[in-house]
Every structure is written in C-alpha cells, then in structure tokens.
C-alpha cells in the first residue's frame, strides 16, 4: 500500500513538468530551438482565411 501511494505521488508530481510548446510566442519558440510556422486556416464563420501561428517540435 505504501509503495502504491508513493508511486501515485511521484506520477502526480511529475505530470505537471511538461510544457505545451504550442502556446509559446515566436521569440521563445526560436530560442528553445523549435520551428515557428504560420499556417493559413479557414474561419468557418466568416468564410475567410486567417493566419495562425504554431510552434512545432523538430523531433519526430
């Protein structure tokens, strides 16, 4: 029981350590070595294309 509690605590403690790179800005993305690209996407409400920025990991 103690080992199960310890294991769950460790998993919970380290689950928040990952960073969502898609929310980074242009300069932060490039400083960390990721690709920063602009994509055209269709806005279905207006029917017009808009530019959306995405920070992508270079490793696959």
N, C-alpha and C. Protein backbone atom coordinates (compact mmCIF):
# COMPACT_ATOMS: atom_id res chain seq x y z
N UNK A 1 0.82 -1.19 0.00
CA UNK A 1 0.00 0.00 0.00
C UNK A 1 0.87 1.26 0.00
N UNK A 2 1.96 1.23 0.76
CA UNK A 2 2.84 2.39 0.82
C UNK A 2 3.50 2.64 -0.53
N UNK A 3 3.91 1.55 -1.20
CA UNK A 3 4.57 1.72 -2.50
C UNK A 3 3.60 2.26 -3.54
N UNK A 4 2.34 1.86 -3.49
CA UNK A 4 1.33 2.36 -4.41
C UNK A 4 1.10 3.85 -4.19
N UNK A 5 1.00 4.27 -2.95
CA UNK A 5 0.82 5.67 -2.62
C UNK A 5 2.03 6.48 -3.08
N UNK A 6 3.22 5.99 -2.85
CA UNK A 6 4.43 6.69 -3.28
C UNK A 6 4.47 6.80 -4.80
N UNK A 7 4.14 5.73 -5.51
CA UNK A 7 4.13 5.74 -6.96
C UNK A 7 3.13 6.76 -7.50
N UNK A 8 1.94 6.79 -6.95
CA UNK A 8 0.93 7.76 -7.38
C UNK A 8 1.37 9.19 -7.10
N UNK A 9 2.02 9.41 -5.98
CA UNK A 9 2.52 10.74 -5.66
C UNK A 9 3.58 11.18 -6.67
N UNK A 10 4.50 10.29 -7.03
CA UNK A 10 5.56 10.61 -7.99
C UNK A 10 4.96 10.91 -9.36
N UNK A 11 4.01 10.11 -9.80
CA UNK A 11 3.37 10.34 -11.09
C UNK A 11 2.64 11.68 -11.08
N UNK A 12 1.94 11.98 -10.03
CA UNK A 12 1.21 13.25 -9.93
C UNK A 12 2.17 14.44 -9.89
N UNK A 13 3.27 14.30 -9.17
CA UNK A 13 4.23 15.39 -9.03
C UNK A 13 4.91 15.73 -10.34
N UNK A 14 5.23 14.73 -11.17
CA UNK A 14 5.94 14.98 -12.41
C UNK A 14 5.03 15.14 -13.62
N UNK A 15 3.75 15.02 -13.44
CA UNK A 15 2.84 15.17 -14.58
C UNK A 15 2.72 16.63 -15.02
N UNK A 16 3.00 17.56 -14.14
CA UNK A 16 2.91 18.98 -14.47
C UNK A 16 4.19 19.55 -15.03
N UNK A 17 5.21 18.74 -15.24
CA UNK A 17 6.50 19.24 -15.69
C UNK A 17 6.59 19.41 -17.20
N UNK A 18 5.65 18.89 -17.94
CA UNK A 18 5.69 19.03 -19.39
C UNK A 18 5.19 20.41 -19.77
N UNK A 19 5.74 20.96 -20.84
CA UNK A 19 5.36 22.30 -21.29
C UNK A 19 4.67 22.18 -22.64
N UNK A 20 3.57 22.87 -22.78
CA UNK A 20 2.85 22.89 -24.05
C UNK A 20 3.55 23.90 -24.96
N UNK A 21 4.29 23.40 -25.95
CA UNK A 21 5.08 24.29 -26.80
C UNK A 21 4.22 25.03 -27.81
N UNK A 22 3.00 24.60 -28.02
CA UNK A 22 2.14 25.27 -28.99
C UNK A 22 1.71 26.66 -28.52
N UNK A 23 1.80 26.92 -27.24
CA UNK A 23 1.37 28.20 -26.71
C UNK A 23 2.52 29.21 -26.59
N UNK A 24 3.73 28.84 -27.01
CA UNK A 24 4.87 29.74 -26.92
C UNK A 24 4.80 30.82 -27.99
N UNK A 25 5.40 31.95 -27.70
CA UNK A 25 5.49 33.03 -28.67
C UNK A 25 6.62 32.78 -29.66
N UNK A 26 6.73 33.66 -30.64
CA UNK A 26 7.71 33.49 -31.73
C UNK A 26 9.14 33.47 -31.20
N UNK A 27 9.48 34.44 -30.39
CA UNK A 27 10.86 34.54 -29.90
C UNK A 27 11.19 33.40 -28.95
N UNK A 28 10.27 33.06 -28.05
CA UNK A 28 10.51 31.95 -27.12
C UNK A 28 10.69 30.64 -27.86
N UNK A 29 9.88 30.44 -28.88
CA UNK A 29 9.94 29.21 -29.67
C UNK A 29 11.29 29.06 -30.36
N UNK A 30 11.75 30.10 -30.97
CA UNK A 30 13.04 30.06 -31.67
C UNK A 30 14.21 29.95 -30.71
N UNK A 31 14.12 30.59 -29.55
CA UNK A 31 15.20 30.50 -28.57
C UNK A 31 15.36 29.08 -28.03
N UNK A 32 14.26 28.34 -27.94
CA UNK A 32 14.32 26.97 -27.44
C UNK A 32 14.66 25.96 -28.52
N UNK A 33 14.78 26.41 -29.78
CA UNK A 33 15.21 25.53 -30.85
C UNK A 33 14.08 24.83 -31.59
N UNK A 34 12.85 25.32 -31.45
CA UNK A 34 11.72 24.73 -32.14
C UNK A 34 11.42 25.50 -33.42
N UNK A 35 10.59 24.90 -34.28
CA UNK A 35 10.17 25.57 -35.51
C UNK A 35 8.94 26.42 -35.23
N UNK A 36 8.93 27.62 -35.77
CA UNK A 36 7.78 28.52 -35.65
C UNK A 36 7.24 28.74 -37.06
N UNK A 37 6.01 28.32 -37.29
CA UNK A 37 5.43 28.46 -38.63
C UNK A 37 4.09 29.16 -38.56
N UNK A 38 3.71 29.75 -39.68
CA UNK A 38 2.40 30.35 -39.84
C UNK A 38 1.60 29.49 -40.80
N UNK A 39 0.37 29.17 -40.42
CA UNK A 39 -0.49 28.36 -41.27
C UNK A 39 -1.73 29.15 -41.63
N UNK A 40 -2.19 28.95 -42.86
CA UNK A 40 -3.45 29.54 -43.25
C UNK A 40 -4.55 28.55 -42.88
N UNK A 41 -5.58 29.05 -42.20
CA UNK A 41 -6.70 28.20 -41.87
C UNK A 41 -7.99 28.94 -42.17
N UNK A 42 -9.00 28.18 -42.50
CA UNK A 42 -10.28 28.74 -42.88
C UNK A 42 -11.13 28.97 -41.64
N UNK A 43 -11.62 30.20 -41.49
CA UNK A 43 -12.56 30.51 -40.44
C UNK A 43 -13.95 30.23 -40.99
N UNK A 44 -14.60 29.22 -40.43
CA UNK A 44 -15.87 28.76 -40.97
C UNK A 44 -17.00 29.78 -40.77
N UNK A 45 -16.90 30.61 -39.76
CA UNK A 45 -17.94 31.62 -39.53
C UNK A 45 -17.91 32.72 -40.58
N UNK A 46 -16.71 33.20 -40.90
CA UNK A 46 -16.61 34.31 -41.84
C UNK A 46 -16.36 33.86 -43.27
N UNK A 47 -15.82 32.65 -43.44
CA UNK A 47 -15.51 32.16 -44.77
C UNK A 47 -14.19 32.70 -45.32
N UNK A 48 -13.40 33.33 -44.47
CA UNK A 48 -12.12 33.91 -44.88
C UNK A 48 -10.97 33.12 -44.25
N UNK A 49 -9.82 33.16 -44.93
CA UNK A 49 -8.63 32.51 -44.39
C UNK A 49 -7.93 33.45 -43.42
N UNK A 50 -7.41 32.88 -42.34
CA UNK A 50 -6.67 33.63 -41.34
C UNK A 50 -5.33 32.94 -41.12
N UNK A 51 -4.35 33.71 -40.69
CA UNK A 51 -3.04 33.14 -40.35
C UNK A 51 -3.05 32.73 -38.89
N UNK A 52 -2.62 31.51 -38.62
CA UNK A 52 -2.47 31.07 -37.24
C UNK A 52 -1.03 30.61 -37.06
N UNK A 53 -0.45 30.95 -35.94
CA UNK A 53 0.94 30.60 -35.67
C UNK A 53 1.00 29.37 -34.79
N UNK A 54 2.01 28.52 -35.07
CA UNK A 54 2.18 27.27 -34.34
C UNK A 54 3.66 27.05 -34.08
N UNK A 55 3.98 26.65 -32.88
CA UNK A 55 5.35 26.27 -32.53
C UNK A 55 5.41 24.75 -32.56
N UNK A 56 6.30 24.19 -33.40
CA UNK A 56 6.38 22.74 -33.58
C UNK A 56 7.71 22.20 -33.11
N UNK A 57 7.67 21.00 -32.56
CA UNK A 57 8.88 20.31 -32.15
C UNK A 57 9.59 19.81 -33.40
N UNK A 58 10.92 19.86 -33.40
CA UNK A 58 11.67 19.40 -34.57
C UNK A 58 11.89 17.90 -34.53
N UNK A 59 11.76 17.25 -33.39
CA UNK A 59 11.96 15.81 -33.28
C UNK A 59 10.66 15.08 -33.62
N UNK A 60 10.78 13.98 -34.35
CA UNK A 60 9.60 13.20 -34.69
C UNK A 60 9.72 11.80 -34.16
